[in-house]
């Protein structure tokens, strides 16, 4: 049986997709998995820059049909790898137009598509999620409330929505992704460094905060990955 595909979505900028992607790659590598990282934010490939020296990575443009064909072919040619896809803010149109290319090949690939959909507290996060569910109906979707935007109870629009009910009726989970101190997350981005490398190179206080956050991330991803 081939490994899973994890697609980190959100379809808008600034919700925290890149941080969730880095956390997911780091978590899977801690579990001993071989990871193939697909970076679709080709204009600003922060995750690719952080992991290209230590992880097999590919830049793939998911705005057009060729990119989705390439994504499927990469999944097929790396059966030993868990595939992690970092989506770009603009990819919602590409998903709507070409997402069936992936959706329709999951059975032949013998892979399960797990989507980690990152939201803030605004309505458009939910509207874009509904579009994604329609475009790729075979995906298992878990919603990540990004703790950067506040504690769980502040996500009132999502928490009380019919969309949440639909997600959870399909077997998805609603979880809260832990916040990381700004000075540490800023260093990760500015230095374009992996989480594992940062835990070796950052000053002691920064490492302590990153280690704390990594432990909290593990608790969240344990629920998703071990199901």
C-alpha atoms as a PDB file:
ATOM      1  CA  UNK A   1       0.000   0.000   0.000  1.00  0.00           C
ATOM      2  CA  UNK A   2       1.383   3.372  -1.047  1.00  0.00           C
ATOM      3  CA  UNK A   3       1.929   6.164   1.447  1.00  0.00           C
ATOM      4  CA  UNK A   4      -0.471   9.023   2.095  1.00  0.00           C
ATOM      5  CA  UNK A   5      -0.630  12.433   0.463  1.00  0.00           C
ATOM      6  CA  UNK A   6      -0.954  15.383   2.848  1.00  0.00           C
ATOM      7  CA  UNK A   7      -2.129  18.576   1.157  1.00  0.00           C
ATOM      8  CA  UNK A   8      -1.953  21.698   3.292  1.00  0.00           C
ATOM      9  CA  UNK A   9      -4.594  24.108   2.052  1.00  0.00           C
ATOM     10  CA  UNK A  10      -6.299  27.363   2.883  1.00  0.00           C
ATOM     11  CA  UNK A  11      -6.394  29.041  -0.531  1.00  0.00           C
ATOM     12  CA  UNK A  12      -5.597  32.506   0.814  1.00  0.00           C
ATOM     13  CA  UNK A  13      -2.451  34.206   1.989  1.00  0.00           C
ATOM     14  CA  UNK A  14      -1.511  34.722   5.590  1.00  0.00           C
ATOM     15  CA  UNK A  15      -3.487  31.914   7.262  1.00  0.00           C
ATOM     16  CA  UNK A  16      -0.349  29.935   8.178  1.00  0.00           C
ATOM     17  CA  UNK A  17      -0.139  27.191   5.534  1.00  0.00           C
ATOM     18  CA  UNK A  18       3.645  27.299   5.324  1.00  0.00           C
ATOM     19  CA  UNK A  19       4.098  26.847   9.070  1.00  0.00           C
ATOM     20  CA  UNK A  20       1.689  23.905   9.104  1.00  0.00           C
ATOM     21  CA  UNK A  21       3.550  22.394   6.146  1.00  0.00           C
ATOM     22  CA  UNK A  22       6.911  22.724   7.889  1.00  0.00           C
ATOM     23  CA  UNK A  23       5.451  21.220  11.060  1.00  0.00           C
ATOM     24  CA  UNK A  24       3.991  18.300   9.091  1.00  0.00           C
ATOM     25  CA  UNK A  25       7.265  17.546   7.296  1.00  0.00           C
ATOM     26  CA  UNK A  26       9.145  17.759  10.595  1.00  0.00           C
ATOM     27  CA  UNK A  27       6.639  15.480  12.351  1.00  0.00           C
ATOM     28  CA  UNK A  28       6.717  12.827   9.626  1.00  0.00           C
ATOM     29  CA  UNK A  29      10.516  12.811   9.546  1.00  0.00           C
ATOM     30  CA  UNK A  30      10.578  12.359  13.311  1.00  0.00           C
ATOM     31  CA  UNK A  31       8.406   9.288  12.726  1.00  0.00           C
ATOM     32  CA  UNK A  32      11.044   7.883  10.362  1.00  0.00           C
ATOM     33  CA  UNK A  33       9.078   8.540   7.174  1.00  0.00           C
ATOM     34  CA  UNK A  34      10.654   9.401   3.844  1.00  0.00           C
ATOM     35  CA  UNK A  35       9.040  12.641   2.682  1.00  0.00           C
ATOM     36  CA  UNK A  36       8.620  14.109  -0.781  1.00  0.00           C
ATOM     37  CA  UNK A  37       7.812  17.800  -0.406  1.00  0.00           C
ATOM     38  CA  UNK A  38       5.851  19.442  -3.223  1.00  0.00           C
ATOM     39  CA  UNK A  39       6.061  23.242  -3.080  1.00  0.00           C
ATOM     40  CA  UNK A  40       3.362  24.860  -5.222  1.00  0.00           C
ATOM     41  CA  UNK A  41       3.980  28.416  -4.035  1.00  0.00           C
ATOM     42  CA  UNK A  42       6.456  28.903  -6.859  1.00  0.00           C
ATOM     43  CA  UNK A  43       6.484  32.691  -6.482  1.00  0.00           C
ATOM     44  CA  UNK A  44       7.526  32.656  -2.816  1.00  0.00           C
ATOM     45  CA  UNK A  45       8.743  29.113  -2.028  1.00  0.00           C
ATOM     46  CA  UNK A  46       9.634  29.568   1.661  1.00  0.00           C
ATOM     47  CA  UNK A  47       9.142  25.923   2.619  1.00  0.00           C
ATOM     48  CA  UNK A  48      11.138  24.692  -0.365  1.00  0.00           C
ATOM     49  CA  UNK A  49      14.007  27.001   0.601  1.00  0.00           C
ATOM     50  CA  UNK A  50      13.968  25.724   4.197  1.00  0.00           C
ATOM     51  CA  UNK A  51      13.959  22.022   3.290  1.00  0.00           C
ATOM     52  CA  UNK A  52      15.655  21.676  -0.105  1.00  0.00           C
ATOM     53  CA  UNK A  53      19.017  20.703   1.447  1.00  0.00           C
ATOM     54  CA  UNK A  54      17.635  17.924   3.666  1.00  0.00           C
ATOM     55  CA  UNK A  55      14.465  16.660   1.979  1.00  0.00           C
ATOM     56  CA  UNK A  56      13.577  15.641  -1.569  1.00  0.00           C
ATOM     57  CA  UNK A  57      11.601  18.572  -2.907  1.00  0.00           C
ATOM     58  CA  UNK A  58       9.891  19.576  -6.150  1.00  0.00           C
ATOM     59  CA  UNK A  59       8.533  22.941  -7.304  1.00  0.00           C
ATOM     60  CA  UNK A  60       5.202  22.332  -9.048  1.00  0.00           C
ATOM     61  CA  UNK A  61       2.847  24.987 -10.393  1.00  0.00           C
ATOM     62  CA  UNK A  62      -0.711  23.899  -9.560  1.00  0.00           C
ATOM     63  CA  UNK A  63      -2.301  26.776 -11.451  1.00  0.00           C
ATOM     64  CA  UNK A  64      -2.501  24.783 -14.672  1.00  0.00           C
ATOM     65  CA  UNK A  65      -3.236  21.274 -15.937  1.00  0.00           C
ATOM     66  CA  UNK A  66       0.435  20.395 -16.461  1.00  0.00           C
ATOM     67  CA  UNK A  67       1.171  20.957 -12.775  1.00  0.00           C
ATOM     68  CA  UNK A  68      -1.560  18.570 -11.645  1.00  0.00           C
ATOM     69  CA  UNK A  69      -0.347  15.950 -14.111  1.00  0.00           C
ATOM     70  CA  UNK A  70       3.179  16.386 -12.734  1.00  0.00           C
ATOM     71  CA  UNK A  71       1.884  16.056  -9.157  1.00  0.00           C
ATOM     72  CA  UNK A  72       0.127  12.771  -9.922  1.00  0.00           C
ATOM     73  CA  UNK A  73       3.187  11.409 -11.727  1.00  0.00           C
ATOM     74  CA  UNK A  74       5.429  12.322  -8.787  1.00  0.00           C
ATOM     75  CA  UNK A  75       3.087  10.541  -6.382  1.00  0.00           C
ATOM     76  CA  UNK A  76       3.196   7.481  -8.635  1.00  0.00           C
ATOM     77  CA  UNK A  77       6.988   7.469  -9.017  1.00  0.00           C
ATOM     78  CA  UNK A  78       7.673   7.813  -5.261  1.00  0.00           C
ATOM     79  CA  UNK A  79       5.565   5.026  -3.705  1.00  0.00           C
ATOM     80  CA  UNK A  80       7.945   4.791  -0.741  1.00  0.00           C
ATOM     81  CA  UNK A  81       7.473   8.454   0.213  1.00  0.00           C
ATOM     82  CA  UNK A  82       4.793  10.307   2.084  1.00  0.00           C
ATOM     83  CA  UNK A  83       3.927  13.266  -0.143  1.00  0.00           C
ATOM     84  CA  UNK A  84       3.408  16.659   1.503  1.00  0.00           C
ATOM     85  CA  UNK A  85       1.989  19.424  -0.707  1.00  0.00           C
ATOM     86  CA  UNK A  86       2.249  23.062   0.331  1.00  0.00           C
ATOM     87  CA  UNK A  87      -0.445  24.889  -1.627  1.00  0.00           C
ATOM     88  CA  UNK A  88      -0.218  28.509  -2.717  1.00  0.00           C
ATOM     89  CA  UNK A  89      -2.700  31.238  -1.823  1.00  0.00           C
ATOM     90  CA  UNK A  90      -3.820  31.446  -5.450  1.00  0.00           C
ATOM     91  CA  UNK A  91      -4.336  27.710  -5.981  1.00  0.00           C
ATOM     92  CA  UNK A  92      -8.104  27.673  -5.358  1.00  0.00           C
ATOM     93  CA  UNK A  93      -8.792  28.335  -9.053  1.00  0.00           C
ATOM     94  CA  UNK A  94      -6.402  25.587 -10.084  1.00  0.00           C
ATOM     95  CA  UNK A  95      -8.055  23.179  -7.648  1.00  0.00           C
ATOM     96  CA  UNK A  96     -11.508  23.949  -9.023  1.00  0.00           C
ATOM     97  CA  UNK A  97     -10.358  23.572 -12.631  1.00  0.00           C
ATOM     98  CA  UNK A  98      -7.992  20.609 -12.379  1.00  0.00           C
ATOM     99  CA  UNK A  99      -8.413  18.999  -8.962  1.00  0.00           C
ATOM    100  CA  UNK A 100     -10.228  16.050 -10.541  1.00  0.00           C
ATOM    101  CA  UNK A 101      -6.879  15.018 -12.067  1.00  0.00           C
ATOM    102  CA  UNK A 102      -5.712  14.073  -8.575  1.00  0.00           C
ATOM    103  CA  UNK A 103      -9.116  13.103  -7.187  1.00  0.00           C
ATOM    104  CA  UNK A 104      -9.714  10.637 -10.007  1.00  0.00           C
ATOM    105  CA  UNK A 105      -6.341   8.900  -9.707  1.00  0.00           C
ATOM    106  CA  UNK A 106      -6.240   8.272  -5.945  1.00  0.00           C
ATOM    107  CA  UNK A 107      -7.616   4.726  -6.278  1.00  0.00           C
ATOM    108  CA  UNK A 108      -5.037   3.757  -8.906  1.00  0.00           C
ATOM    109  CA  UNK A 109      -2.260   5.393  -6.883  1.00  0.00           C
ATOM    110  CA  UNK A 110      -3.523   3.437  -3.861  1.00  0.00           C
ATOM    111  CA  UNK A 111      -3.072   6.599  -1.818  1.00  0.00           C
ATOM    112  CA  UNK A 112      -5.314   8.412   0.625  1.00  0.00           C
ATOM    113  CA  UNK A 113      -5.447  12.195   0.287  1.00  0.00           C
ATOM    114  CA  UNK A 114      -5.474  13.935   3.668  1.00  0.00           C
ATOM    115  CA  UNK A 115      -6.109  17.672   3.539  1.00  0.00           C
ATOM    116  CA  UNK A 116      -5.088  19.901   6.429  1.00  0.00           C
ATOM    117  CA  UNK A 117      -7.159  23.046   5.843  1.00  0.00           C
ATOM    118  CA  UNK A 118      -5.801  26.031   7.761  1.00  0.00           C
ATOM    119  CA  UNK A 119      -8.253  28.762   8.729  1.00  0.00           C
ATOM    120  CA  UNK A 120      -8.243  32.144  10.393  1.00  0.00           C
ATOM    121  CA  UNK A 121     -11.395  33.685  11.887  1.00  0.00           C
ATOM    122  CA  UNK A 122     -12.732  35.221   8.678  1.00  0.00           C
ATOM    123  CA  UNK A 123     -15.618  34.003   6.530  1.00  0.00           C
ATOM    124  CA  UNK A 124     -13.659  33.573   3.289  1.00  0.00           C
ATOM    125  CA  UNK A 125     -11.603  30.750   4.839  1.00  0.00           C
ATOM    126  CA  UNK A 126     -14.838  28.771   5.104  1.00  0.00           C
ATOM    127  CA  UNK A 127     -16.160  29.717   1.663  1.00  0.00           C
ATOM    128  CA  UNK A 128     -12.934  28.546   0.032  1.00  0.00           C
ATOM    129  CA  UNK A 129     -13.079  25.306   1.998  1.00  0.00           C
ATOM    130  CA  UNK A 130     -16.546  24.577   0.603  1.00  0.00           C
ATOM    131  CA  UNK A 131     -15.185  25.091  -2.926  1.00  0.00           C
ATOM    132  CA  UNK A 132     -12.332  22.687  -2.188  1.00  0.00           C
ATOM    133  CA  UNK A 133     -14.698  20.014  -0.851  1.00  0.00           C
ATOM    134  CA  UNK A 134     -16.713  20.219  -4.076  1.00  0.00           C
ATOM    135  CA  UNK A 135     -13.589  20.017  -6.272  1.00  0.00           C
ATOM    136  CA  UNK A 136     -11.896  17.072  -4.493  1.00  0.00           C
ATOM    137  CA  UNK A 137     -14.680  15.038  -2.868  1.00  0.00           C
ATOM    138  CA  UNK A 138     -12.449  12.026  -2.142  1.00  0.00           C
ATOM    139  CA  UNK A 139     -10.202  13.957   0.238  1.00  0.00           C
ATOM    140  CA  UNK A 140     -10.344  13.438   3.979  1.00  0.00           C
ATOM    141  CA  UNK A 141     -10.319  16.968   5.405  1.00  0.00           C
ATOM    142  CA  UNK A 142      -9.186  18.102   8.840  1.00  0.00           C
ATOM    143  CA  UNK A 143      -9.598  21.764   9.761  1.00  0.00           C
ATOM    144  CA  UNK A 144      -6.747  23.501  11.580  1.00  0.00           C
ATOM    145  CA  UNK A 145      -7.784  26.586  13.525  1.00  0.00           C
ATOM    146  CA  UNK A 146      -4.525  28.540  13.578  1.00  0.00           C
ATOM    147  CA  UNK A 147      -3.855  29.514  17.195  1.00  0.00           C
ATOM    148  CA  UNK A 148      -1.949  32.564  15.964  1.00  0.00           C
ATOM    149  CA  UNK A 149      -5.380  34.178  15.472  1.00  0.00           C
ATOM    150  CA  UNK A 150      -6.630  33.359  18.956  1.00  0.00           C
ATOM    151  CA  UNK A 151      -7.821  30.539  21.143  1.00  0.00           C
ATOM    152  CA  UNK A 152     -10.302  27.928  19.969  1.00  0.00           C
ATOM    153  CA  UNK A 153     -13.457  29.642  21.224  1.00  0.00           C
ATOM    154  CA  UNK A 154     -12.731  32.739  19.122  1.00  0.00           C
ATOM    155  CA  UNK A 155     -13.293  30.817  15.887  1.00  0.00           C
ATOM    156  CA  UNK A 156     -17.021  31.357  16.263  1.00  0.00           C
ATOM    157  CA  UNK A 157     -17.880  31.388  12.555  1.00  0.00           C
ATOM    158  CA  UNK A 158     -16.401  27.944  12.022  1.00  0.00           C
ATOM    159  CA  UNK A 159     -17.255  26.397  15.374  1.00  0.00           C
ATOM    160  CA  UNK A 160     -20.977  26.931  14.934  1.00  0.00           C
ATOM    161  CA  UNK A 161     -21.152  26.360  11.186  1.00  0.00           C
ATOM    162  CA  UNK A 162     -22.895  23.721   9.095  1.00  0.00           C
ATOM    163  CA  UNK A 163     -19.553  23.318   7.349  1.00  0.00           C
ATOM    164  CA  UNK A 164     -17.961  22.051  10.556  1.00  0.00           C
ATOM    165  CA  UNK A 165     -20.786  19.563  10.934  1.00  0.00           C
ATOM    166  CA  UNK A 166     -20.250  18.390   7.338  1.00  0.00           C
ATOM    167  CA  UNK A 167     -16.492  18.015   7.844  1.00  0.00           C
ATOM    168  CA  UNK A 168     -16.899  15.964  11.015  1.00  0.00           C
ATOM    169  CA  UNK A 169     -19.696  13.818   9.564  1.00  0.00           C
ATOM    170  CA  UNK A 170     -17.235  12.843   6.804  1.00  0.00           C
ATOM    171  CA  UNK A 171     -14.695  11.719   9.393  1.00  0.00           C
ATOM    172  CA  UNK A 172     -12.671  14.921   9.553  1.00  0.00           C
ATOM    173  CA  UNK A 173     -11.456  16.527  12.749  1.00  0.00           C
ATOM    174  CA  UNK A 174     -11.385  20.118  13.933  1.00  0.00           C
ATOM    175  CA  UNK A 175      -8.196  20.895  15.829  1.00  0.00           C
ATOM    176  CA  UNK A 176      -6.325  23.969  17.016  1.00  0.00           C
ATOM    177  CA  UNK A 177      -2.782  24.411  15.720  1.00  0.00           C
ATOM    178  CA  UNK A 178      -0.508  25.863  18.441  1.00  0.00           C
ATOM    179  CA  UNK A 179       0.931  29.335  18.152  1.00  0.00           C
ATOM    180  CA  UNK A 180       4.694  29.867  18.002  1.00  0.00           C
ATOM    181  CA  UNK A 181       6.303  33.036  19.377  1.00  0.00           C
ATOM    182  CA  UNK A 182       6.758  35.615  16.621  1.00  0.00           C
ATOM    183  CA  UNK A 183      10.497  36.045  17.137  1.00  0.00           C
ATOM    184  CA  UNK A 184      11.044  32.317  16.565  1.00  0.00           C
ATOM    185  CA  UNK A 185       8.710  31.947  13.591  1.00  0.00           C
ATOM    186  CA  UNK A 186      10.224  35.087  12.050  1.00  0.00           C
ATOM    187  CA  UNK A 187      13.695  33.555  12.400  1.00  0.00           C
ATOM    188  CA  UNK A 188      12.563  30.333  10.737  1.00  0.00           C
ATOM    189  CA  UNK A 189      11.277  32.257   7.729  1.00  0.00           C
ATOM    190  CA  UNK A 190      14.062  34.814   7.458  1.00  0.00           C
ATOM    191  CA  UNK A 191      16.860  32.261   7.786  1.00  0.00           C
ATOM    192  CA  UNK A 192      15.068  29.720   5.576  1.00  0.00           C
ATOM    193  CA  UNK A 193      15.938  26.929   7.937  1.00  0.00           C
ATOM    194  CA  UNK A 194      14.208  23.665   8.820  1.00  0.00           C
ATOM    195  CA  UNK A 195      12.749  23.071  12.271  1.00  0.00           C
ATOM    196  CA  UNK A 196      15.298  20.335  13.003  1.00  0.00           C
ATOM    197  CA  UNK A 197      18.196  22.582  12.003  1.00  0.00           C
ATOM    198  CA  UNK A 198      16.797  25.484  14.034  1.00  0.00           C
ATOM    199  CA  UNK A 199      16.760  23.280  17.136  1.00  0.00           C
ATOM    200  CA  UNK A 200      20.521  22.925  16.700  1.00  0.00           C
ATOM    201  CA  UNK A 201      21.412  26.481  15.679  1.00  0.00           C
ATOM    202  CA  UNK A 202      19.067  28.956  17.374  1.00  0.00           C
ATOM    203  CA  UNK A 203      19.911  30.682  20.691  1.00  0.00           C
ATOM    204  CA  UNK A 204      18.900  28.728  23.786  1.00  0.00           C
ATOM    205  CA  UNK A 205      15.747  30.722  24.529  1.00  0.00           C
ATOM    206  CA  UNK A 206      14.524  30.410  20.944  1.00  0.00           C
ATOM    207  CA  UNK A 207      15.263  26.683  21.012  1.00  0.00           C
ATOM    208  CA  UNK A 208      13.299  26.264  24.227  1.00  0.00           C
ATOM    209  CA  UNK A 209      10.241  27.946  22.691  1.00  0.00           C
ATOM    210  CA  UNK A 210      10.576  25.948  19.457  1.00  0.00           C
ATOM    211  CA  UNK A 211      10.874  22.702  21.412  1.00  0.00           C
ATOM    212  CA  UNK A 212       7.759  23.570  23.443  1.00  0.00           C
ATOM    213  CA  UNK A 213       5.808  24.314  20.271  1.00  0.00           C
ATOM    214  CA  UNK A 214       7.075  21.150  18.556  1.00  0.00           C
ATOM    215  CA  UNK A 215       5.734  19.082  21.453  1.00  0.00           C
ATOM    216  CA  UNK A 216       2.328  20.744  21.167  1.00  0.00           C
ATOM    217  CA  UNK A 217       2.311  20.216  17.389  1.00  0.00           C
ATOM    218  CA  UNK A 218       3.058  16.525  17.926  1.00  0.00           C
ATOM    219  CA  UNK A 219      -0.048  16.179  20.106  1.00  0.00           C
ATOM    220  CA  UNK A 220      -2.195  17.637  17.332  1.00  0.00           C
ATOM    221  CA  UNK A 221      -0.671  15.625  14.507  1.00  0.00           C
ATOM    222  CA  UNK A 222      -0.740  12.396  16.512  1.00  0.00           C
ATOM    223  CA  UNK A 223      -4.527  12.634  16.361  1.00  0.00           C
ATOM    224  CA  UNK A 224      -4.491  13.118  12.575  1.00  0.00           C
ATOM    225  CA  UNK A 225      -1.688  10.827  11.423  1.00  0.00           C
ATOM    226  CA  UNK A 226      -2.311   7.848  13.701  1.00  0.00           C
ATOM    227  CA  UNK A 227      -5.995   7.469  12.876  1.00  0.00           C
END
